[in-house]
C-alpha atoms as a PDB file:
ATOM      1  CA  MET A   1      71.819 -22.454 -23.793  1.00  0.00           C
ATOM      2  CA  ASP A   2      68.935 -22.948 -26.223  1.00  0.00           C
ATOM      3  CA  VAL A   3      66.607 -20.162 -27.323  1.00  0.00           C
ATOM      4  CA  ILE A   4      62.940 -20.958 -26.792  1.00  0.00           C
ATOM      5  CA  THR A   5      60.175 -18.800 -28.224  1.00  0.00           C
ATOM      6  CA  GLN A   6      56.966 -17.943 -26.420  1.00  0.00           C
ATOM      7  CA  PRO A   7      54.801 -20.137 -28.729  1.00  0.00           C
ATOM      8  CA  GLU A   8      57.192 -23.055 -28.185  1.00  0.00           C
ATOM      9  CA  PHE A   9      57.094 -22.547 -24.437  1.00  0.00           C
ATOM     10  CA  MET A  10      53.299 -22.407 -24.337  1.00  0.00           C
ATOM     11  CA  GLU A  11      52.943 -25.488 -26.527  1.00  0.00           C
ATOM     12  CA  LEU A  12      55.346 -27.522 -24.381  1.00  0.00           C
ATOM     13  CA  TYR A  13      53.629 -26.422 -21.172  1.00  0.00           C
ATOM     14  CA  LYS A  14      50.199 -27.369 -22.506  1.00  0.00           C
ATOM     15  CA  LYS A  15      51.586 -30.791 -23.458  1.00  0.00           C
ATOM     16  CA  GLY A  16      52.702 -31.364 -19.869  1.00  0.00           C
ATOM     17  CA  GLU A  17      56.308 -30.167 -19.842  1.00  0.00           C
ATOM     18  CA  ARG A  18      57.119 -28.706 -16.420  1.00  0.00           C
ATOM     19  CA  ILE A  19      60.906 -28.424 -16.326  1.00  0.00           C
ATOM     20  CA  PHE A  20      62.610 -25.843 -18.528  1.00  0.00           C
ATOM     21  CA  GLU A  21      66.380 -26.029 -18.245  1.00  0.00           C
ATOM     22  CA  ASN A  22      69.162 -24.030 -19.910  1.00  0.00           C
ATOM     23  CA  LYS A  23      66.696 -21.958 -21.915  1.00  0.00           C
ATOM     24  CA  PHE A  24      67.066 -18.407 -23.156  1.00  0.00           C
ATOM     25  CA  MET A  25      63.656 -16.762 -22.972  1.00  0.00           C
ATOM     26  CA  GLN A  26      63.308 -13.283 -24.428  1.00  0.00           C
ATOM     27  CA  PHE A  27      60.453 -10.843 -25.039  1.00  0.00           C
ATOM     28  CA  PHE A  28      57.751 -13.117 -23.614  1.00  0.00           C
ATOM     29  CA  ASP A  29      54.343 -11.624 -22.826  1.00  0.00           C
ATOM     30  CA  VAL A  30      52.386 -14.381 -21.089  1.00  0.00           C
ATOM     31  CA  SER A  31      48.934 -13.674 -19.664  1.00  0.00           C
ATOM     32  CA  ASN A  32      45.868 -15.290 -18.102  1.00  0.00           C
ATOM     33  CA  ILE A  33      47.363 -18.650 -17.228  1.00  0.00           C
ATOM     34  CA  ALA A  34      48.115 -20.790 -14.175  1.00  0.00           C
ATOM     35  CA  LEU A  35      51.702 -22.040 -14.203  1.00  0.00           C
ATOM     36  CA  GLU A  36      51.599 -24.881 -11.700  1.00  0.00           C
ATOM     37  CA  GLY A  37      54.427 -27.234 -10.788  1.00  0.00           C
ATOM     38  CA  ILE A  38      56.785 -25.475 -13.185  1.00  0.00           C
ATOM     39  CA  ALA A  39      60.555 -25.183 -12.717  1.00  0.00           C
ATOM     40  CA  PHE A  40      62.953 -22.898 -14.567  1.00  0.00           C
ATOM     41  CA  LYS A  41      66.561 -24.046 -14.126  1.00  0.00           C
ATOM     42  CA  ASN A  42      69.629 -22.162 -15.327  1.00  0.00           C
ATOM     43  CA  CYS A  43      67.469 -20.033 -17.617  1.00  0.00           C
ATOM     44  CA  ASN A  44      67.915 -16.460 -18.819  1.00  0.00           C
ATOM     45  CA  LEU A  45      64.739 -14.385 -18.892  1.00  0.00           C
ATOM     46  CA  PHE A  46      65.210 -11.132 -20.796  1.00  0.00           C
ATOM     47  CA  PHE A  47      62.396  -8.571 -21.058  1.00  0.00           C
ATOM     48  CA  CYS A  48      59.745 -11.117 -20.073  1.00  0.00           C
ATOM     49  CA  THR A  49      56.299 -10.046 -18.883  1.00  0.00           C
ATOM     50  CA  PHE A  50      53.723 -12.139 -17.031  1.00  0.00           C
ATOM     51  CA  ARG A  51      50.234 -10.667 -16.644  1.00  0.00           C
ATOM     52  CA  ASN A  52      47.377 -11.963 -14.523  1.00  0.00           C
ATOM     53  CA  ILE A  53      49.019 -15.299 -13.808  1.00  0.00           C
ATOM     54  CA  VAL A  54      49.049 -17.826 -10.991  1.00  0.00           C
ATOM     55  CA  LEU A  55      52.375 -19.338  -9.969  1.00  0.00           C
ATOM     56  CA  LYS A  56      51.806 -22.369  -7.741  1.00  0.00           C
ATOM     57  CA  ASN A  57      54.505 -24.785  -6.576  1.00  0.00           C
ATOM     58  CA  ALA A  58      56.874 -23.054  -8.981  1.00  0.00           C
ATOM     59  CA  SER A  59      60.591 -22.363  -8.869  1.00  0.00           C
ATOM     60  CA  PHE A  60      63.291 -20.335 -10.575  1.00  0.00           C
ATOM     61  CA  GLU A  61      66.697 -21.899  -9.904  1.00  0.00           C
ATOM     62  CA  ASN A  62      70.017 -20.291 -10.854  1.00  0.00           C
ATOM     63  CA  CYS A  63      68.204 -18.037 -13.318  1.00  0.00           C
ATOM     64  CA  THR A  64      69.132 -14.596 -14.595  1.00  0.00           C
ATOM     65  CA  ILE A  65      66.143 -12.281 -14.853  1.00  0.00           C
ATOM     66  CA  TYR A  66      66.608  -8.876 -16.473  1.00  0.00           C
ATOM     67  CA  ASN A  67      63.703  -6.475 -16.836  1.00  0.00           C
ATOM     68  CA  GLY A  68      61.117  -8.979 -15.709  1.00  0.00           C
ATOM     69  CA  SER A  69      57.564  -7.842 -15.008  1.00  0.00           C
ATOM     70  CA  PHE A  70      54.897  -9.673 -13.041  1.00  0.00           C
ATOM     71  CA  TYR A  71      51.656  -7.685 -13.229  1.00  0.00           C
ATOM     72  CA  THR A  72      48.586  -8.739 -11.259  1.00  0.00           C
ATOM     73  CA  GLY A  73      48.526 -12.304 -10.068  1.00  0.00           C
ATOM     74  CA  SER A  74      49.317 -14.589  -7.195  1.00  0.00           C
ATOM     75  CA  ALA A  75      52.033 -16.925  -6.037  1.00  0.00           C
ATOM     76  CA  GLU A  76      51.782 -19.893  -3.697  1.00  0.00           C
ATOM     77  CA  ASN A  77      54.876 -21.839  -2.722  1.00  0.00           C
ATOM     78  CA  LEU A  78      57.062 -19.903  -5.157  1.00  0.00           C
ATOM     79  CA  ILE A  79      60.852 -20.103  -4.805  1.00  0.00           C
ATOM     80  CA  PHE A  80      63.617 -18.073  -6.414  1.00  0.00           C
ATOM     81  CA  ASP A  81      66.870 -19.896  -5.603  1.00  0.00           C
ATOM     82  CA  LYS A  82      70.279 -18.353  -6.322  1.00  0.00           C
ATOM     83  CA  CYS A  83      68.888 -16.107  -9.042  1.00  0.00           C
ATOM     84  CA  SER A  84      70.246 -12.824 -10.358  1.00  0.00           C
ATOM     85  CA  MET A  85      67.375 -10.353 -10.658  1.00  0.00           C
ATOM     86  CA  GLU A  86      67.712  -6.844 -12.046  1.00  0.00           C
ATOM     87  CA  LEU A  87      65.019  -4.301 -12.887  1.00  0.00           C
ATOM     88  CA  THR A  88      62.322  -6.821 -12.013  1.00  0.00           C
ATOM     89  CA  LEU A  89      58.900  -5.671 -10.852  1.00  0.00           C
ATOM     90  CA  PHE A  90      56.023  -7.347  -9.053  1.00  0.00           C
ATOM     91  CA  ASP A  91      52.948  -5.117  -9.153  1.00  0.00           C
ATOM     92  CA  SER A  92      49.615  -6.037  -7.549  1.00  0.00           C
ATOM     93  CA  PHE A  93      50.908  -9.512  -6.747  1.00  0.00           C
ATOM     94  CA  GLN A  94      49.734 -11.564  -3.779  1.00  0.00           C
ATOM     95  CA  PHE A  95      52.320 -13.868  -2.243  1.00  0.00           C
ATOM     96  CA  SER A  96      51.875 -16.938  -0.072  1.00  0.00           C
ATOM     97  CA  ARG A  97      54.823 -19.050   1.082  1.00  0.00           C
ATOM     98  CA  THR A  98      57.244 -17.303  -1.244  1.00  0.00           C
ATOM     99  CA  SER A  99      60.992 -17.102  -0.707  1.00  0.00           C
ATOM    100  CA  MET A 100      64.005 -15.676  -2.495  1.00  0.00           C
ATOM    101  CA  LYS A 101      66.992 -17.708  -1.364  1.00  0.00           C
ATOM    102  CA  LYS A 102      70.532 -16.440  -1.849  1.00  0.00           C
ATOM    103  CA  CYS A 103      69.506 -14.244  -4.766  1.00  0.00           C
ATOM    104  CA  SER A 104      71.269 -11.133  -6.009  1.00  0.00           C
ATOM    105  CA  MET A 105      68.626  -8.436  -6.384  1.00  0.00           C
ATOM    106  CA  GLN A 106      69.202  -5.010  -7.924  1.00  0.00           C
ATOM    107  CA  TRP A 107      66.530  -2.412  -8.569  1.00  0.00           C
ATOM    108  CA  CYS A 108      63.625  -4.739  -7.901  1.00  0.00           C
ATOM    109  CA  GLY A 109      60.151  -3.464  -7.078  1.00  0.00           C
ATOM    110  CA  PHE A 110      57.253  -4.857  -5.076  1.00  0.00           C
ATOM    111  CA  LEU A 111      54.359  -2.435  -5.470  1.00  0.00           C
ATOM    112  CA  ASN A 112      50.788  -2.880  -4.252  1.00  0.00           C
ATOM    113  CA  SER A 113      51.834  -6.334  -3.062  1.00  0.00           C
ATOM    114  CA  ASN A 114      52.150  -8.070   0.310  1.00  0.00           C
ATOM    115  CA  VAL A 115      55.944  -8.048   0.135  1.00  0.00           C
ATOM    116  CA  ALA A 116      56.271  -8.529   3.904  1.00  0.00           C
ATOM    117  CA  SER A 117      55.284 -12.155   3.422  1.00  0.00           C
ATOM    118  CA  VAL A 118      58.203 -12.804   1.041  1.00  0.00           C
ATOM    119  CA  ASP A 119      61.313 -14.221   2.733  1.00  0.00           C
ATOM    120  CA  MET A 120      64.347 -12.424   1.289  1.00  0.00           C
ATOM    121  CA  SER A 121      66.512 -12.764   4.400  1.00  0.00           C
ATOM    122  CA  THR A 122      69.322 -14.677   2.658  1.00  0.00           C
ATOM    123  CA  SER A 123      69.402 -12.533  -0.497  1.00  0.00           C
ATOM    124  CA  SER A 124      71.580  -9.507  -1.203  1.00  0.00           C
ATOM    125  CA  GLN A 125      69.506  -6.482  -2.117  1.00  0.00           C
ATOM    126  CA  PHE A 126      70.330  -3.155  -3.715  1.00  0.00           C
ATOM    127  CA  LYS A 127      67.494  -0.663  -4.029  1.00  0.00           C
ATOM    128  CA  THR A 128      64.440  -2.793  -3.376  1.00  0.00           C
ATOM    129  CA  ILE A 129      61.461  -0.494  -3.974  1.00  0.00           C
ATOM    130  CA  THR A 130      58.260  -1.092  -2.024  1.00  0.00           C
ATOM    131  CA  ASP A 131      56.772   2.393  -2.307  1.00  0.00           C
ATOM    132  CA  LEU A 132      57.047   5.036  -5.027  1.00  0.00           C
ATOM    133  CA  SER A 133      58.138   7.614  -2.462  1.00  0.00           C
ATOM    134  CA  GLN A 134      61.447   5.730  -2.249  1.00  0.00           C
ATOM    135  CA  VAL A 135      62.329   6.557  -5.875  1.00  0.00           C
ATOM    136  CA  THR A 136      64.307   9.776  -6.360  1.00  0.00           C
ATOM    137  CA  PRO A 137      65.149  11.752  -9.516  1.00  0.00           C
ATOM    138  CA  ALA A 138      68.754  10.585  -9.083  1.00  0.00           C
ATOM    139  CA  ASP A 139      67.550   6.978  -9.072  1.00  0.00           C
ATOM    140  CA  ILE A 140      65.683   7.532 -12.329  1.00  0.00           C
ATOM    141  CA  ASP A 141      68.733   9.091 -13.992  1.00  0.00           C
ATOM    142  CA  TYR A 142      71.000   6.265 -12.833  1.00  0.00           C
ATOM    143  CA  ILE A 143      68.709   3.514 -14.125  1.00  0.00           C
ATOM    144  CA  ILE A 144      68.361   5.321 -17.461  1.00  0.00           C
ATOM    145  CA  SER A 145      72.134   5.373 -17.953  1.00  0.00           C
ATOM    146  CA  VAL A 146      72.412   1.671 -17.059  1.00  0.00           C
ATOM    147  CA  VAL A 147      69.626   0.646 -19.446  1.00  0.00           C
ATOM    148  CA  MET A 148      70.958   2.738 -22.329  1.00  0.00           C
ATOM    149  CA  GLN A 149      74.458   1.335 -22.022  1.00  0.00           C
ATOM    150  CA  LYS A 150      73.253  -2.259 -21.697  1.00  0.00           C
ATOM    151  CA  VAL A 151      71.006  -1.997 -24.764  1.00  0.00           C
ATOM    152  CA  GLU A 152      73.771  -0.577 -26.966  1.00  0.00           C
ATOM    153  CA  ARG A 153      76.042  -3.528 -26.050  1.00  0.00           C
ATOM    154  CA  LEU A 154      73.572  -6.137 -27.340  1.00  0.00           C
ATOM    155  CA  ASP A 155      73.977  -7.836 -30.700  1.00  0.00           C
ATOM    156  CA  MET A 156      72.055  -6.184 -33.511  1.00  0.00           C
ATOM    157  CA  ASP A 157      68.979  -8.433 -33.603  1.00  0.00           C
ATOM    158  CA  MET A 158      68.366  -8.144 -29.872  1.00  0.00           C
ATOM    159  CA  ARG A 159      69.201  -4.451 -29.845  1.00  0.00           C
ATOM    160  CA  LEU A 160      66.617  -3.764 -32.525  1.00  0.00           C
ATOM    161  CA  LYS A 161      63.980  -5.806 -30.698  1.00  0.00           C
ATOM    162  CA  VAL A 162      64.534  -3.985 -27.400  1.00  0.00           C
ATOM    163  CA  LYS A 163      64.379  -0.618 -29.140  1.00  0.00           C
ATOM    164  CA  GLU A 164      61.177  -1.674 -30.877  1.00  0.00           C
ATOM    165  CA  ILE A 165      59.629  -2.545 -27.494  1.00  0.00           C
ATOM    166  CA  ILE A 166      60.779   0.684 -25.872  1.00  0.00           C
ATOM    167  CA  ARG A 167      59.534   2.857 -28.725  1.00  0.00           C
ATOM    168  CA  ALA A 168      56.227   0.976 -28.796  1.00  0.00           C
ATOM    169  CA  ASP A 169      55.815   1.772 -25.094  1.00  0.00           C
ATOM    170  CA  ILE A 170      56.324   5.455 -25.873  1.00  0.00           C
ATOM    171  CA  GLU A 171      53.245   5.248 -28.106  1.00  0.00           C
ATOM    172  CA  ARG A 172      51.237   2.910 -25.870  1.00  0.00           C
ATOM    173  CA  TYR A 173      51.594   5.037 -22.757  1.00  0.00           C
ATOM    174  CA  LYS A 174      51.505   8.337 -24.668  1.00  0.00           C
ATOM    175  CA  LEU A 175      54.775   9.336 -23.032  1.00  0.00           C
ATOM    176  CA  GLU A 176      56.702  12.435 -23.926  1.00  0.00           C
ATOM    177  CA  ASN A 177      59.479  11.897 -26.434  1.00  0.00           C
ATOM    178  CA  PRO A 178      61.514  15.120 -26.280  1.00  0.00           C
ATOM    179  CA  GLU A 179      64.001  16.237 -28.882  1.00  0.00           C
ATOM    180  CA  GLU A 180      67.604  15.642 -27.869  1.00  0.00           C
ATOM    181  CA  LYS A 181      70.810  17.581 -27.943  1.00  0.00           C
ATOM    182  CA  GLN A 182      73.769  15.711 -29.380  1.00  0.00           C
ATOM    183  CA  GLY A 183      75.539  13.845 -26.596  1.00  0.00           C
ATOM    184  CA  LYS A 184      77.313  10.642 -25.696  1.00  0.00           C
ATOM    185  CA  TYR A 185      74.239   8.558 -26.593  1.00  0.00           C
ATOM    186  CA  GLY A 186      73.986   9.934 -30.127  1.00  0.00           C
ATOM    187  CA  THR A 187      71.226  11.841 -31.854  1.00  0.00           C
ATOM    188  CA  ALA A 188      67.699  10.899 -32.784  1.00  0.00           C
ATOM    189  CA  SER A 189      67.261   9.361 -36.243  1.00  0.00           C
ATOM    190  CA  SER A 190      64.669   7.587 -38.339  1.00  0.00           C
ATOM    191  CA  ASP A 191      67.047   4.595 -38.527  1.00  0.00           C
ATOM    192  CA  SER A 192      65.596   1.731 -36.456  1.00  0.00           C
ATOM    193  CA  ASP A 193      69.046   1.151 -34.939  1.00  0.00           C
ATOM    194  CA  ALA A 194      69.639   4.778 -34.033  1.00  0.00           C
ATOM    195  CA  PRO A 195      70.903   5.143 -30.459  1.00  0.00           C
ATOM    196  CA  LEU A 196      68.084   5.370 -27.967  1.00  0.00           C
ATOM    197  CA  THR A 197      67.476   8.916 -26.845  1.00  0.00           C
ATOM    198  CA  TYR A 198      67.518   9.900 -23.207  1.00  0.00           C
ATOM    199  CA  GLY A 199      63.842  10.798 -23.461  1.00  0.00           C
ATOM    200  CA  GLU A 200      62.856   7.401 -24.839  1.00  0.00           C
ATOM    201  CA  VAL A 201      64.529   5.443 -22.065  1.00  0.00           C
ATOM    202  CA  ARG A 202      63.419   7.920 -19.433  1.00  0.00           C
ATOM    203  CA  GLY A 203      59.820   7.395 -20.458  1.00  0.00           C
ATOM    204  CA  VAL A 204      60.062   3.629 -20.148  1.00  0.00           C
ATOM    205  CA  VAL A 205      61.926   3.746 -16.824  1.00  0.00           C
ATOM    206  CA  GLU A 206      59.342   6.129 -15.403  1.00  0.00           C
ATOM    207  CA  SER A 207      56.482   3.987 -16.669  1.00  0.00           C
ATOM    208  CA  PHE A 208      58.134   0.990 -14.958  1.00  0.00           C
ATOM    209  CA  PHE A 209      57.693   2.737 -11.613  1.00  0.00           C
ATOM    210  CA  TYR A 210      54.821   5.161 -12.143  1.00  0.00           C
ATOM    211  CA  GLY A 211      52.692   4.019 -15.061  1.00  0.00           C
ATOM    212  CA  THR A 212      51.733   7.048 -17.144  1.00  0.00           C
ATOM    213  CA  GLN A 213      52.189   9.602 -14.372  1.00  0.00           C
ATOM    214  CA  SER A 214      55.474  10.630 -12.780  1.00  0.00           C
ATOM    215  CA  PRO A 215      56.049  13.232 -10.072  1.00  0.00           C
ATOM    216  CA  TYR A 216      59.283  14.131 -11.865  1.00  0.00           C
ATOM    217  CA  LYS A 217      57.728  14.409 -15.327  1.00  0.00           C
ATOM    218  CA  THR A 218      58.133  18.150 -15.678  1.00  0.00           C
ATOM    219  CA  LYS A 219      61.805  18.168 -14.713  1.00  0.00           C
ATOM    220  CA  LYS A 220      64.067  19.074 -17.636  1.00  0.00           C
ATOM    221  CA  HIS A 221      67.342  17.211 -17.995  1.00  0.00           C
ATOM    222  CA  ALA A 222      70.626  18.448 -19.419  1.00  0.00           C
ATOM    223  CA  TYR A 223      70.131  16.282 -22.514  1.00  0.00           C
ATOM    224  CA  GLU A 224      66.730  17.762 -23.335  1.00  0.00           C
ATOM    225  CA  THR A 225      65.679  20.853 -25.196  1.00  0.00           C
ATOM    226  CA  SER A 226      62.576  22.806 -24.321  1.00  0.00           C
ATOM    227  CA  GLY A 227      60.818  21.648 -27.474  1.00  0.00           C
ATOM    228  CA  ALA A 228      58.384  18.755 -27.542  1.00  0.00           C
ATOM    229  CA  TYR A 229      58.534  15.853 -29.925  1.00  0.00           C
ATOM    230  CA  LYS A 230      56.071  16.316 -32.789  1.00  0.00           C
ATOM    231  CA  LYS A 231      54.226  13.292 -34.150  1.00  0.00           C
END
C-alpha cells in the first residue's frame, strides 16, 4: 500500500485521476470541493476530514476508515462497499441514493443528517449514533480507552502526528485539559511523545460528539484531580 499525501491527492484529482487504489491516506483535511466520479479502492483512511464537500457518483470499496469526519456537505449516489468504519462521523450531511453495503460499522455517527435515507440494511452495526441523547458517560469512557490504546500502538511518526492533532484540538476548542494522577496511561510531560492523558483524549472524544459543549463535562473521573490545567 502506497502512502499518498493530501497535496498529491489534490493534484492528481485536478488532473483528472478518479480511481485511487491501495493508497494509505492519513491526516487529510479536504474542504470546499466537489468529488465527482471518484472511487477509493482498498484504501486506508486514517484521521481524514472532509468539510463542505459534495460526493457525487462516488464509492469507497474495501476501505478501512478510522476516525473519519464528514462535516457539512451532500452525497448523491454514494456507495460504501465492504468497508470497515470506526469512529466515523457525518454531521450536517444530506444524503441521496446512498448505501453502505456489507460494511462493518463501529461507533459511527450521523448527526443533523437525513440518515433514514441511507441504506445500511446489509451492514453490521455497533453503536450507530443518530442523536446525542444516545451517548452515555460509559460510552465516552469506553471510546477514550480504545483511542488511547490504539494511539500508543502506532509507530513513532504516526503517534506523534496523532498526538499533535489531539493537542491542537484542545487549544482550538478551548477544552479543559485537567492534571492527571499517575496511572496506566502514564503521566503528563512536556515531551511530545509523552503518553496522552485521559483529559486530552476525553476532550477530543467529547468534541467529536458534542462540539465544545458536553452534558457530562463537569463529571470528574478517577484519573483526574480537582485542579485545572494552567496555561
